[in-house]
Structures are given as C-alpha cells and as structure tokens.
Amino acid sequence: MLNQQIAQLVMWIGVIMIIPALYRFVYAASALTWRRLFPSKIFEVRFFDEESNTQKSVVIKLPKDRSASLVSLIDEALSKEKHADVHRK
C-alpha cells in the first residue's frame, strides 16, 4: 500500500516536471504547422519606446512562397547586431 502511494507520488511529480517541456515542444511544433497551413504575406513589427512613449511600426509584405525569407532576414539582423555589439566593447 505504501509502495503504491510512493510510486504514484513519484509519477505525479514526474508529470508536473515534464509538462512545461512538453508544452514548449508542442507549442513550437504547432507554430510551424500553423505557418505551413496558413502562410502569411503581411507582417507588422511594432517598436515601442517606454521612455518617450513613442510607437513605430514596420509592415513587411512577402509573397506566399517566400515566407522563409523573413526568418532569414531576422536572423541576419540579429547576427549583425551581435557582431556590432562585439566590436563596440
């Protein structure tokens, strides 16, 4: 009886610990599936500056078959930003 309760307790602790990792995996996989099923052609990126309370937005229009190019543009911009930060230090 006690062994069964301990086994159930260990199982539930394992379930509680694995749920966040499983959630992140399922969320990422569903985002990729959603993008394949409903490819977007228009992306709006908003920048909000809390100090001056200004908001700027950029609208990017892409053909349906080139949606992967947005991801590569973002990766390229981030790598350039990291590269510039390294040279500033």
PDB file of N, CA and C in Angstrom:
ATOM      1  N   MET A   1       0.821  -1.196   0.000  1.00  0.00           N
ATOM      2  CA  MET A   1       0.000   0.000   0.000  1.00  0.00           C
ATOM      3  C   MET A   1       0.866   1.261   0.000  1.00  0.00           C
ATOM      4  N   LEU A   2       1.827   1.307   0.883  1.00  0.00           N
ATOM      5  CA  LEU A   2       2.710   2.470   0.960  1.00  0.00           C
ATOM      6  C   LEU A   2       3.575   2.573  -0.295  1.00  0.00           C
ATOM      7  N   ASN A   3       4.046   1.445  -0.815  1.00  0.00           N
ATOM      8  CA  ASN A   3       4.853   1.455  -2.038  1.00  0.00           C
ATOM      9  C   ASN A   3       4.058   1.994  -3.219  1.00  0.00           C
ATOM     10  N   GLN A   4       2.778   1.638  -3.281  1.00  0.00           N
ATOM     11  CA  GLN A   4       1.929   2.124  -4.371  1.00  0.00           C
ATOM     12  C   GLN A   4       1.735   3.633  -4.268  1.00  0.00           C
ATOM     13  N   GLN A   5       1.537   4.144  -3.059  1.00  0.00           N
ATOM     14  CA  GLN A   5       1.367   5.588  -2.870  1.00  0.00           C
ATOM     15  C   GLN A   5       2.643   6.343  -3.223  1.00  0.00           C
ATOM     16  N   ILE A   6       3.780   5.785  -2.853  1.00  0.00           N
ATOM     17  CA  ILE A   6       5.062   6.417  -3.194  1.00  0.00           C
ATOM     18  C   ILE A   6       5.264   6.407  -4.708  1.00  0.00           C
ATOM     19  N   ALA A   7       4.923   5.304  -5.352  1.00  0.00           N
ATOM     20  CA  ALA A   7       5.055   5.225  -6.815  1.00  0.00           C
ATOM     21  C   ALA A   7       4.146   6.245  -7.497  1.00  0.00           C
ATOM     22  N   GLN A   8       2.917   6.401  -6.991  1.00  0.00           N
ATOM     23  CA  GLN A   8       2.006   7.392  -7.569  1.00  0.00           C
ATOM     24  C   GLN A   8       2.507   8.806  -7.339  1.00  0.00           C
ATOM     25  N   LEU A   9       3.050   9.069  -6.172  1.00  0.00           N
ATOM     26  CA  LEU A   9       3.603  10.386  -5.873  1.00  0.00           C
ATOM     27  C   LEU A   9       4.761  10.713  -6.808  1.00  0.00           C
ATOM     28  N   VAL A  10       5.661   9.759  -7.005  1.00  0.00           N
ATOM     29  CA  VAL A  10       6.798   9.954  -7.907  1.00  0.00           C
ATOM     30  C   VAL A  10       6.307  10.173  -9.331  1.00  0.00           C
ATOM     31  N   MET A  11       5.267   9.418  -9.744  1.00  0.00           N
ATOM     32  CA  MET A  11       4.724   9.582 -11.093  1.00  0.00           C
ATOM     33  C   MET A  11       4.148  10.985 -11.277  1.00  0.00           C
ATOM     34  N   TRP A  12       3.371  11.456 -10.306  1.00  0.00           N
ATOM     35  CA  TRP A  12       2.764  12.789 -10.446  1.00  0.00           C
ATOM     36  C   TRP A  12       3.813  13.895 -10.410  1.00  0.00           C
ATOM     37  N   ILE A  13       4.849  13.738  -9.614  1.00  0.00           N
ATOM     38  CA  ILE A  13       5.942  14.726  -9.614  1.00  0.00           C
ATOM     39  C   ILE A  13       6.613  14.743 -10.983  1.00  0.00           C
ATOM     40  N   GLY A  14       6.824  13.564 -11.568  1.00  0.00           N
ATOM     41  CA  GLY A  14       7.389  13.497 -12.922  1.00  0.00           C
ATOM     42  C   GLY A  14       6.496  14.145 -13.948  1.00  0.00           C
ATOM     43  N   VAL A  15       5.189  13.929 -13.842  1.00  0.00           N
ATOM     44  CA  VAL A  15       4.245  14.555 -14.782  1.00  0.00           C
ATOM     45  C   VAL A  15       4.292  16.068 -14.648  1.00  0.00           C
ATOM     46  N   ILE A  16       4.298  16.561 -13.420  1.00  0.00           N
ATOM     47  CA  ILE A  16       4.338  18.012 -13.195  1.00  0.00           C
ATOM     48  C   ILE A  16       5.638  18.607 -13.728  1.00  0.00           C
ATOM     49  N   MET A  17       6.743  17.880 -13.612  1.00  0.00           N
ATOM     50  CA  MET A  17       8.022  18.400 -14.088  1.00  0.00           C
ATOM     51  C   MET A  17       8.133  18.361 -15.609  1.00  0.00           C
ATOM     52  N   ILE A  18       7.486  17.401 -16.288  1.00  0.00           N
ATOM     53  CA  ILE A  18       7.634  17.254 -17.736  1.00  0.00           C
ATOM     54  C   ILE A  18       6.664  18.143 -18.506  1.00  0.00           C
ATOM     55  N   ILE A  19       5.581  18.595 -17.882  1.00  0.00           N
ATOM     56  CA  ILE A  19       4.564  19.379 -18.597  1.00  0.00           C
ATOM     57  C   ILE A  19       5.147  20.646 -19.237  1.00  0.00           C
ATOM     58  N   PRO A  20       5.957  21.466 -18.555  1.00  0.00           N
ATOM     59  CA  PRO A  20       6.480  22.669 -19.227  1.00  0.00           C
ATOM     60  C   PRO A  20       7.333  22.350 -20.458  1.00  0.00           C
ATOM     61  N   ALA A  21       8.155  21.324 -20.388  1.00  0.00           N
ATOM     62  CA  ALA A  21       8.979  20.966 -21.549  1.00  0.00           C
ATOM     63  C   ALA A  21       8.101  20.461 -22.688  1.00  0.00           C
ATOM     64  N   LEU A  22       7.123  19.644 -22.360  1.00  0.00           N
ATOM     65  CA  LEU A  22       6.207  19.132 -23.376  1.00  0.00           C
ATOM     66  C   LEU A  22       5.397  20.270 -23.986  1.00  0.00           C
ATOM     67  N   TYR A  23       4.955  21.209 -23.158  1.00  0.00           N
ATOM     68  CA  TYR A  23       4.193  22.351 -23.645  1.00  0.00           C
ATOM     69  C   TYR A  23       5.002  23.163 -24.651  1.00  0.00           C
ATOM     70  N   ARG A  24       6.259  23.428 -24.334  1.00  0.00           N
ATOM     71  CA  ARG A  24       7.097  24.221 -25.251  1.00  0.00           C
ATOM     72  C   ARG A  24       7.299  23.506 -26.573  1.00  0.00           C
ATOM     73  N   PHE A  25       7.506  22.196 -26.527  1.00  0.00           N
ATOM     74  CA  PHE A  25       7.693  21.422 -27.743  1.00  0.00           C
ATOM     75  C   PHE A  25       6.425  21.437 -28.593  1.00  0.00           C
ATOM     76  N   VAL A  26       5.286  21.208 -27.974  1.00  0.00           N
ATOM     77  CA  VAL A  26       4.014  21.185 -28.707  1.00  0.00           C
ATOM     78  C   VAL A  26       3.711  22.565 -29.267  1.00  0.00           C
ATOM     79  N   TYR A  27       3.987  23.622 -28.509  1.00  0.00           N
ATOM     80  CA  TYR A  27       3.740  24.984 -28.976  1.00  0.00           C
ATOM     81  C   TYR A  27       4.604  25.293 -30.201  1.00  0.00           C
ATOM     82  N   ALA A  28       5.878  24.942 -30.160  1.00  0.00           N
ATOM     83  CA  ALA A  28       6.764  25.205 -31.299  1.00  0.00           C
ATOM     84  C   ALA A  28       6.337  24.395 -32.522  1.00  0.00           C
ATOM     85  N   ALA A  29       5.966  23.150 -32.323  1.00  0.00           N
ATOM     86  CA  ALA A  29       5.536  22.318 -33.449  1.00  0.00           C
ATOM     87  C   ALA A  29       4.231  22.841 -34.048  1.00  0.00           C
ATOM     88  N   SER A  30       3.317  23.295 -33.200  1.00  0.00           N
ATOM     89  CA  SER A  30       2.048  23.803 -33.730  1.00  0.00           C
ATOM     90  C   SER A  30       2.259  25.113 -34.477  1.00  0.00           C
ATOM     91  N   ALA A  31       3.223  25.925 -34.044  1.00  0.00           N
ATOM     92  CA  ALA A  31       3.501  27.170 -34.755  1.00  0.00           C
ATOM     93  C   ALA A  31       4.015  26.879 -36.166  1.00  0.00           C
ATOM     94  N   LEU A  32       4.880  25.879 -36.292  1.00  0.00           N
ATOM     95  CA  LEU A  32       5.374  25.517 -37.620  1.00  0.00           C
ATOM     96  C   LEU A  32       4.250  24.968 -38.491  1.00  0.00           C
ATOM     97  N   THR A  33       3.392  24.144 -37.910  1.00  0.00           N
ATOM     98  CA  THR A  33       2.261  23.599 -38.661  1.00  0.00           C
ATOM     99  C   THR A  33       1.307  24.703 -39.073  1.00  0.00           C
ATOM    100  N   TRP A  34       1.031  25.624 -38.163  1.00  0.00           N
ATOM    101  CA  TRP A  34       0.131  26.740 -38.457  1.00  0.00           C
ATOM    102  C   TRP A  34       0.683  27.583 -39.608  1.00  0.00           C
ATOM    103  N   ARG A  35       1.982  27.825 -39.597  1.00  0.00           N
ATOM    104  CA  ARG A  35       2.589  28.630 -40.656  1.00  0.00           C
ATOM    105  C   ARG A  35       2.509  27.910 -42.002  1.00  0.00           C
ATOM    106  N   ARG A  36       2.630  26.594 -41.998  1.00  0.00           N
ATOM    107  CA  ARG A  36       2.518  25.842 -43.254  1.00  0.00           C
ATOM    108  C   ARG A  36       1.090  25.862 -43.785  1.00  0.00           C
ATOM    109  N   LEU A  37       0.127  25.732 -42.897  1.00  0.00           N
ATOM    110  CA  LEU A  37      -1.262  25.704 -43.332  1.00  0.00           C
ATOM    111  C   LEU A  37      -1.766  27.081 -43.753  1.00  0.00           C
ATOM    112  N   PHE A  38      -1.371  28.102 -43.022  1.00  0.00           N
ATOM    113  CA  PHE A  38      -1.840  29.461 -43.294  1.00  0.00           C
ATOM    114  C   PHE A  38      -0.644  30.401 -43.413  1.00  0.00           C
ATOM    115  N   PRO A  39       0.057  30.367 -44.545  1.00  0.00           N
ATOM    116  CA  PRO A  39       1.228  31.244 -44.678  1.00  0.00           C
ATOM    117  C   PRO A  39       0.813  32.711 -44.746  1.00  0.00           C
ATOM    118  N   SER A  40       1.506  33.530 -44.022  1.00  0.00           N
ATOM    119  CA  SER A  40       1.194  34.952 -44.016  1.00  0.00           C
ATOM    120  C   SER A  40       1.981  35.679 -45.067  1.00  0.00           C
ATOM    121  N   LYS A  41       1.369  36.696 -45.580  1.00  0.00           N
ATOM    122  CA  LYS A  41       2.050  37.523 -46.569  1.00  0.00           C
ATOM    123  C   LYS A  41       2.409  38.873 -45.984  1.00  0.00           C
ATOM    124  N   ILE A  42       1.759  39.272 -44.915  1.00  0.00           N
ATOM    125  CA  ILE A  42       1.996  40.595 -44.333  1.00  0.00           C
ATOM    126  C   ILE A  42       2.381  40.420 -42.862  1.00  0.00           C
ATOM    127  N   PHE A  43       3.504  41.035 -42.493  1.00  0.00           N
ATOM    128  CA  PHE A  43       3.970  41.012 -41.119  1.00  0.00           C
ATOM    129  C   PHE A  43       4.087  42.456 -40.655  1.00  0.00           C
ATOM    130  N   GLU A  44       3.639  42.718 -39.455  1.00  0.00           N
ATOM    131  CA  GLU A  44       3.793  44.051 -38.884  1.00  0.00           C
ATOM    132  C   GLU A  44       4.644  43.930 -37.633  1.00  0.00           C
ATOM    133  N   VAL A  45       5.727  44.665 -37.600  1.00  0.00           N
ATOM    134  CA  VAL A  45       6.636  44.674 -36.457  1.00  0.00           C
ATOM    135  C   VAL A  45       6.488  46.022 -35.781  1.00  0.00           C
ATOM    136  N   ARG A  46       6.196  45.995 -34.484  1.00  0.00           N
ATOM    137  CA  ARG A  46       5.993  47.248 -33.748  1.00  0.00           C
ATOM    138  C   ARG A  46       7.110  47.439 -32.735  1.00  0.00           C
ATOM    139  N   PHE A  47       7.604  48.654 -32.681  1.00  0.00           N
ATOM    140  CA  PHE A  47       8.630  49.042 -31.720  1.00  0.00           C
ATOM    141  C   PHE A  47       8.008  50.056 -30.775  1.00  0.00           C
ATOM    142  N   PHE A  48       8.154  49.830 -29.487  1.00  0.00           N
ATOM    143  CA  PHE A  48       7.596  50.748 -28.504  1.00  0.00           C
ATOM    144  C   PHE A  48       8.703  51.198 -27.574  1.00  0.00           C
ATOM    145  N   ASP A  49       8.914  52.505 -27.511  1.00  0.00           N
ATOM    146  CA  ASP A  49       9.925  53.088 -26.633  1.00  0.00           C
ATOM    147  C   ASP A  49       9.227  53.591 -25.379  1.00  0.00           C
ATOM    148  N   GLU A  50       9.515  52.962 -24.239  1.00  0.00           N
ATOM    149  CA  GLU A  50       8.827  53.320 -22.998  1.00  0.00           C
ATOM    150  C   GLU A  50       9.267  54.686 -22.474  1.00  0.00           C
ATOM    151  N   GLU A  51      10.493  55.073 -22.754  1.00  0.00           N
ATOM    152  CA  GLU A  51      10.983  56.351 -22.231  1.00  0.00           C
ATOM    153  C   GLU A  51      10.263  57.527 -22.882  1.00  0.00           C
ATOM    154  N   SER A  52      10.139  57.501 -24.196  1.00  0.00           N
ATOM    155  CA  SER A  52       9.499  58.620 -24.884  1.00  0.00           C
ATOM    156  C   SER A  52       8.047  58.330 -25.259  1.00  0.00           C
ATOM    157  N   ASN A  53       7.557  57.159 -24.917  1.00  0.00           N
ATOM    158  CA  ASN A  53       6.177  56.757 -25.223  1.00  0.00           C
ATOM    159  C   ASN A  53       5.862  56.845 -26.707  1.00  0.00           C
ATOM    160  N   THR A  54       6.820  56.495 -27.537  1.00  0.00           N
ATOM    161  CA  THR A  54       6.578  56.502 -28.982  1.00  0.00           C
ATOM    162  C   THR A  54       6.471  55.067 -29.474  1.00  0.00           C
ATOM    163  N   GLN A  55       5.664  54.926 -30.494  1.00  0.00           N
ATOM    164  CA  GLN A  55       5.472  53.606 -31.093  1.00  0.00           C
ATOM    165  C   GLN A  55       5.669  53.735 -32.594  1.00  0.00           C
ATOM    166  N   LYS A  56       6.501  52.869 -33.139  1.00  0.00           N
ATOM    167  CA  LYS A  56       6.748  52.846 -34.575  1.00  0.00           C
ATOM    168  C   LYS A  56       6.452  51.451 -35.087  1.00  0.00           C
ATOM    169  N   SER A  57       5.945  51.373 -36.284  1.00  0.00           N
ATOM    170  CA  SER A  57       5.657  50.054 -36.848  1.00  0.00           C
ATOM    171  C   SER A  57       6.184  49.979 -38.270  1.00  0.00           C
ATOM    172  N   VAL A  58       6.563  48.768 -38.629  1.00  0.00           N
ATOM    173  CA  VAL A  58       7.065  48.480 -39.967  1.00  0.00           C
ATOM    174  C   VAL A  58       6.214  47.344 -40.524  1.00  0.00           C
ATOM    175  N   VAL A  59       5.705  47.516 -41.734  1.00  0.00           N
ATOM    176  CA  VAL A  59       4.914  46.475 -42.374  1.00  0.00           C
ATOM    177  C   VAL A  59       5.765  45.850 -43.468  1.00  0.00           C
ATOM    178  N   ILE A  60       5.880  44.517 -43.416  1.00  0.00           N
ATOM    179  CA  ILE A  60       6.674  43.775 -44.394  1.00  0.00           C
ATOM    180  C   ILE A  60       5.722  42.905 -45.200  1.00  0.00           C
ATOM    181  N   LYS A  61       5.720  43.079 -46.505  1.00  0.00           N
ATOM    182  CA  LYS A  61       4.869  42.276 -47.375  1.00  0.00           C
ATOM    183  C   LYS A  61       5.742  41.300 -48.155  1.00  0.00           C
ATOM    184  N   LEU A  62       5.394  40.021 -48.091  1.00  0.00           N
ATOM    185  CA  LEU A  62       6.160  38.976 -48.755  1.00  0.00           C
ATOM    186  C   LEU A  62       5.241  38.118 -49.615  1.00  0.00           C
ATOM    187  N   PRO A  63       5.767  37.584 -50.690  1.00  0.00           N
ATOM    188  CA  PRO A  63       4.986  36.593 -51.428  1.00  0.00           C
ATOM    189  C   PRO A  63       4.799  35.332 -50.584  1.00  0.00           C
ATOM    190  N   LYS A  64       3.748  34.592 -50.850  1.00  0.00           N
ATOM    191  CA  LYS A  64       3.437  33.404 -50.053  1.00  0.00           C
ATOM    192  C   LYS A  64       4.561  32.386 -50.061  1.00  0.00           C
ATOM    193  N   ASP A  65       5.219  32.228 -51.181  1.00  0.00           N
ATOM    194  CA  ASP A  65       6.247  31.189 -51.284  1.00  0.00           C
ATOM    195  C   ASP A  65       7.584  31.609 -50.679  1.00  0.00           C
ATOM    196  N   ARG A  66       7.708  32.854 -50.233  1.00  0.00           N
ATOM    197  CA  ARG A  66       8.982  33.329 -49.686  1.00  0.00           C
ATOM    198  C   ARG A  66       8.891  33.656 -48.200  1.00  0.00           C
ATOM    199  N   SER A  67       7.985  33.012 -47.480  1.00  0.00           N
ATOM    200  CA  SER A  67       7.828  33.329 -46.067  1.00  0.00           C
ATOM    201  C   SER A  67       9.069  32.957 -45.257  1.00  0.00           C
ATOM    202  N   ALA A  68       9.848  32.023 -45.737  1.00  0.00           N
ATOM    203  CA  ALA A  68      11.080  31.648 -45.033  1.00  0.00           C
ATOM    204  C   ALA A  68      12.109  32.770 -45.102  1.00  0.00           C
ATOM    205  N   SER A  69      11.996  33.653 -46.089  1.00  0.00           N
ATOM    206  CA  SER A  69      12.971  34.738 -46.196  1.00  0.00           C
ATOM    207  C   SER A  69      12.843  35.718 -45.039  1.00  0.00           C
ATOM    208  N   LEU A  70      11.647  35.841 -44.449  1.00  0.00           N
ATOM    209  CA  LEU A  70      11.505  36.712 -43.292  1.00  0.00           C
ATOM    210  C   LEU A  70      12.327  36.184 -42.125  1.00  0.00           C
ATOM    211  N   VAL A  71      12.295  34.892 -41.914  1.00  0.00           N
ATOM    212  CA  VAL A  71      13.078  34.283 -40.842  1.00  0.00           C
ATOM    213  C   VAL A  71      14.560  34.523 -41.082  1.00  0.00           C
ATOM    214  N   SER A  72      15.009  34.371 -42.323  1.00  0.00           N
ATOM    215  CA  SER A  72      16.428  34.594 -42.611  1.00  0.00           C
ATOM    216  C   SER A  72      16.796  36.070 -42.449  1.00  0.00           C
ATOM    217  N   LEU A  73      15.880  36.989 -42.784  1.00  0.00           N
ATOM    218  CA  LEU A  73      16.151  38.416 -42.579  1.00  0.00           C
ATOM    219  C   LEU A  73      16.292  38.740 -41.094  1.00  0.00           C
ATOM    220  N   ILE A  74      15.432  38.162 -40.272  1.00  0.00           N
ATOM    221  CA  ILE A  74      15.511  38.401 -38.831  1.00  0.00           C
ATOM    222  C   ILE A  74      16.805  37.824 -38.274  1.00  0.00           C
ATOM    223  N   ASP A  75      17.165  36.615 -38.693  1.00  0.00           N
ATOM    224  CA  ASP A  75      18.417  36.010 -38.232  1.00  0.00           C
ATOM    225  C   ASP A  75      19.624  36.833 -38.654  1.00  0.00           C
ATOM    226  N   GLU A  76      19.586  37.341 -39.877  1.00  0.00           N
ATOM    227  CA  GLU A  76      20.692  38.173 -40.362  1.00  0.00           C
ATOM    228  C   GLU A  76      20.799  39.458 -39.558  1.00  0.00           C
ATOM    229  N   ALA A  77      19.667  40.086 -39.258  1.00  0.00           N
ATOM    230  CA  ALA A  77      19.693  41.321 -38.471  1.00  0.00           C
ATOM    231  C   ALA A  77      20.201  41.066 -37.064  1.00  0.00           C
ATOM    232  N   LEU A  78      19.797  39.957 -36.466  1.00  0.00           N
ATOM    233  CA  LEU A  78      20.269  39.645 -35.125  1.00  0.00           C
ATOM    234  C   LEU A  78      21.759  39.345 -35.106  1.00  0.00           C
ATOM    235  N   SER A  79      22.246  38.647 -36.128  1.00  0.00           N
ATOM    236  CA  SER A  79      23.676  38.349 -36.166  1.00  0.00           C
ATOM    237  C   SER A  79      24.494  39.618 -36.383  1.00  0.00           C
ATOM    238  N   LYS A  80      23.972  40.540 -37.210  1.00  0.00           N
ATOM    239  CA  LYS A  80      24.677  41.811 -37.398  1.00  0.00           C
ATOM    240  C   LYS A  80      24.694  42.621 -36.108  1.00  0.00           C
ATOM    241  N   GLU A  81      23.584  42.576 -35.363  1.00  0.00           N
ATOM    242  CA  GLU A  81      23.509  43.307 -34.098  1.00  0.00           C
ATOM    243  C   GLU A  81      24.498  42.733 -33.094  1.00  0.00           C
ATOM    244  N   LYS A  82      24.579  41.408 -33.011  1.00  0.00           N
ATOM    245  CA  LYS A  82      25.539  40.775 -32.103  1.00  0.00           C
ATOM    246  C   LYS A  82      26.965  41.091 -32.532  1.00  0.00           C
ATOM    247  N   HIS A  83      27.195  41.090 -33.846  1.00  0.00           N
ATOM    248  CA  HIS A  83      28.530  41.396 -34.367  1.00  0.00           C
ATOM    249  C   HIS A  83      28.908  42.838 -34.040  1.00  0.00           C
ATOM    250  N   ALA A  84      27.945  43.752 -34.154  1.00  0.00           N
ATOM    251  CA  ALA A  84      28.218  45.157 -33.842  1.00  0.00           C
ATOM    252  C   ALA A  84      28.459  45.332 -32.345  1.00  0.00           C
ATOM    253  N   ASP A  85      27.731  44.582 -31.506  1.00  0.00           N
ATOM    254  CA  ASP A  85      27.930  44.688 -30.057  1.00  0.00           C
ATOM    255  C   ASP A  85      29.320  44.215 -29.666  1.00  0.00           C
ATOM    256  N   VAL A  86      29.834  43.187 -30.327  1.00  0.00           N
ATOM    257  CA  VAL A  86      31.154  42.671 -30.004  1.00  0.00           C
ATOM    258  C   VAL A  86      32.219  43.721 -30.318  1.00  0.00           C
ATOM    259  N   HIS A  87      32.059  44.451 -31.443  1.00  0.00           N
ATOM    260  CA  HIS A  87      33.037  45.453 -31.817  1.00  0.00           C
ATOM    261  C   HIS A  87      32.952  46.716 -30.968  1.00  0.00           C
ATOM    262  N   ARG A  88      31.795  46.989 -30.364  1.00  0.00           N
ATOM    263  CA  ARG A  88      31.667  48.166 -29.513  1.00  0.00           C
ATOM    264  C   ARG A  88      32.394  48.010 -28.192  1.00  0.00           C
ATOM    265  N   LYS A  89      32.499  46.763 -27.712  1.00  0.00           N
ATOM    266  CA  LYS A  89      33.097  46.530 -26.385  1.00  0.00           C
ATOM    267  C   LYS A  89      34.581  46.682 -26.407  1.00  0.00           C
TER     268      LYS A  89
END
